[in-house]
Amino acid sequence: MDKENYKNMKKVCFRMFGQIRENIKTRKNIEKSWKRQVGGKHEKNVARDVGHTQQKLETKKVVREMFEGK
């Protein structure tokens, strides 16, 4: 993958993940305050975090394939 292509890919990724990143930040802040009140992480939250990470990885894979032209 040449440099120009890589730069374009990074731009697209940042645009796509910018919104996700904002959502994660706000959600994490909410969870932090919620954890302070409750003390400990709820099972559902753990499952959701795992799912979210999986989703991000899949999206990255799709973007990579898009730019490598597979």
C-alpha atoms as a PDB file:
ATOM      1  CA  MET A   1       0.000   0.000   0.000  1.00  0.00           C
ATOM      2  CA  ASP A   2       1.566   3.306  -1.053  1.00  0.00           C
ATOM      3  CA  LYS A   3       1.678   6.428   1.095  1.00  0.00           C
ATOM      4  CA  GLU A   4      -1.037   8.384  -0.751  1.00  0.00           C
ATOM      5  CA  ASN A   5      -3.499   5.521  -0.480  1.00  0.00           C
ATOM      6  CA  TYR A   6      -2.692   5.114   3.199  1.00  0.00           C
ATOM      7  CA  LYS A   7      -3.314   8.822   3.883  1.00  0.00           C
ATOM      8  CA  ASN A   8      -6.705   8.624   2.177  1.00  0.00           C
ATOM      9  CA  MET A   9      -7.578   5.539   4.170  1.00  0.00           C
ATOM     10  CA  LYS A  10      -6.671   7.294   7.413  1.00  0.00           C
ATOM     11  CA  LYS A  11      -8.910  10.246   6.495  1.00  0.00           C
ATOM     12  CA  VAL A  12     -11.857   7.979   5.796  1.00  0.00           C
ATOM     13  CA  CYS A  13     -11.240   6.011   8.988  1.00  0.00           C
ATOM     14  CA  PHE A  14     -11.062   9.117  11.128  1.00  0.00           C
ATOM     15  CA  ARG A  15     -14.269  10.409   9.619  1.00  0.00           C
ATOM     16  CA  MET A  16     -16.015   7.084  10.211  1.00  0.00           C
ATOM     17  CA  PHE A  17     -14.631   6.472  13.694  1.00  0.00           C
ATOM     18  CA  GLY A  18     -14.796  10.086  14.893  1.00  0.00           C
ATOM     19  CA  GLN A  19     -18.468   9.748  15.728  1.00  0.00           C
ATOM     20  CA  ILE A  20     -17.985   6.323  17.299  1.00  0.00           C
ATOM     21  CA  ARG A  21     -15.122   7.676  19.396  1.00  0.00           C
ATOM     22  CA  GLU A  22     -17.311  10.531  20.684  1.00  0.00           C
ATOM     23  CA  ASN A  23     -20.051   8.065  21.584  1.00  0.00           C
ATOM     24  CA  ILE A  24     -17.576   5.849  23.411  1.00  0.00           C
ATOM     25  CA  LYS A  25     -16.194   8.812  25.371  1.00  0.00           C
ATOM     26  CA  THR A  26     -19.600   9.982  26.548  1.00  0.00           C
ATOM     27  CA  ARG A  27     -20.711   6.444  27.322  1.00  0.00           C
ATOM     28  CA  LYS A  28     -17.535   5.758  29.295  1.00  0.00           C
ATOM     29  CA  ASN A  29     -18.066   8.908  31.328  1.00  0.00           C
ATOM     30  CA  ILE A  30     -21.636   7.853  32.056  1.00  0.00           C
ATOM     31  CA  GLU A  31     -20.435   4.386  33.026  1.00  0.00           C
ATOM     32  CA  LYS A  32     -17.733   5.813  35.294  1.00  0.00           C
ATOM     33  CA  SER A  33     -20.229   7.864  37.257  1.00  0.00           C
ATOM     34  CA  TRP A  34     -22.647   4.941  37.279  1.00  0.00           C
ATOM     35  CA  LYS A  35     -19.902   2.591  38.525  1.00  0.00           C
ATOM     36  CA  ARG A  36     -19.067   5.022  41.317  1.00  0.00           C
ATOM     37  CA  GLN A  37     -22.670   4.837  42.450  1.00  0.00           C
ATOM     38  CA  VAL A  38     -23.092   1.088  42.043  1.00  0.00           C
ATOM     39  CA  GLY A  39     -19.521  -0.104  42.595  1.00  0.00           C
ATOM     40  CA  GLY A  40     -18.503  -2.662  39.975  1.00  0.00           C
ATOM     41  CA  LYS A  41     -19.366  -3.416  36.399  1.00  0.00           C
ATOM     42  CA  HIS A  42     -22.664  -4.882  35.369  1.00  0.00           C
ATOM     43  CA  GLU A  43     -22.588  -8.092  33.309  1.00  0.00           C
ATOM     44  CA  LYS A  44     -24.590  -6.551  30.495  1.00  0.00           C
ATOM     45  CA  ASN A  45     -22.090  -3.704  30.169  1.00  0.00           C
ATOM     46  CA  VAL A  46     -19.192  -6.130  29.823  1.00  0.00           C
ATOM     47  CA  ALA A  47     -21.012  -8.007  27.068  1.00  0.00           C
ATOM     48  CA  ARG A  48     -21.827  -4.762  25.279  1.00  0.00           C
ATOM     49  CA  ASP A  49     -18.209  -3.577  25.407  1.00  0.00           C
ATOM     50  CA  VAL A  50     -17.004  -6.859  23.928  1.00  0.00           C
ATOM     51  CA  GLY A  51     -19.590  -6.580  21.147  1.00  0.00           C
ATOM     52  CA  HIS A  52     -18.580  -3.005  20.443  1.00  0.00           C
ATOM     53  CA  THR A  53     -14.905  -3.897  20.101  1.00  0.00           C
ATOM     54  CA  GLN A  54     -15.837  -6.709  17.715  1.00  0.00           C
ATOM     55  CA  GLN A  55     -17.894  -4.290  15.631  1.00  0.00           C
ATOM     56  CA  LYS A  56     -15.016  -1.803  15.409  1.00  0.00           C
ATOM     57  CA  LEU A  57     -12.608  -4.499  14.244  1.00  0.00           C
ATOM     58  CA  GLU A  58     -15.040  -5.631  11.549  1.00  0.00           C
ATOM     59  CA  THR A  59     -15.477  -2.064  10.306  1.00  0.00           C
ATOM     60  CA  LYS A  60     -11.706  -1.616  10.118  1.00  0.00           C
ATOM     61  CA  LYS A  61     -11.450  -4.841   8.123  1.00  0.00           C
ATOM     62  CA  VAL A  62     -14.081  -3.626   5.665  1.00  0.00           C
ATOM     63  CA  VAL A  63     -12.293  -0.305   5.190  1.00  0.00           C
ATOM     64  CA  ARG A  64      -8.960  -2.051   4.666  1.00  0.00           C
ATOM     65  CA  GLU A  65     -10.474  -4.353   2.048  1.00  0.00           C
ATOM     66  CA  MET A  66     -12.087  -1.378   0.335  1.00  0.00           C
ATOM     67  CA  PHE A  67      -8.724   0.331  -0.098  1.00  0.00           C
ATOM     68  CA  GLU A  68      -6.766  -2.748  -1.060  1.00  0.00           C
ATOM     69  CA  GLY A  69      -9.388  -3.523  -3.684  1.00  0.00           C
ATOM     70  CA  LYS A  70     -10.164  -7.087  -2.687  1.00  0.00           C
END
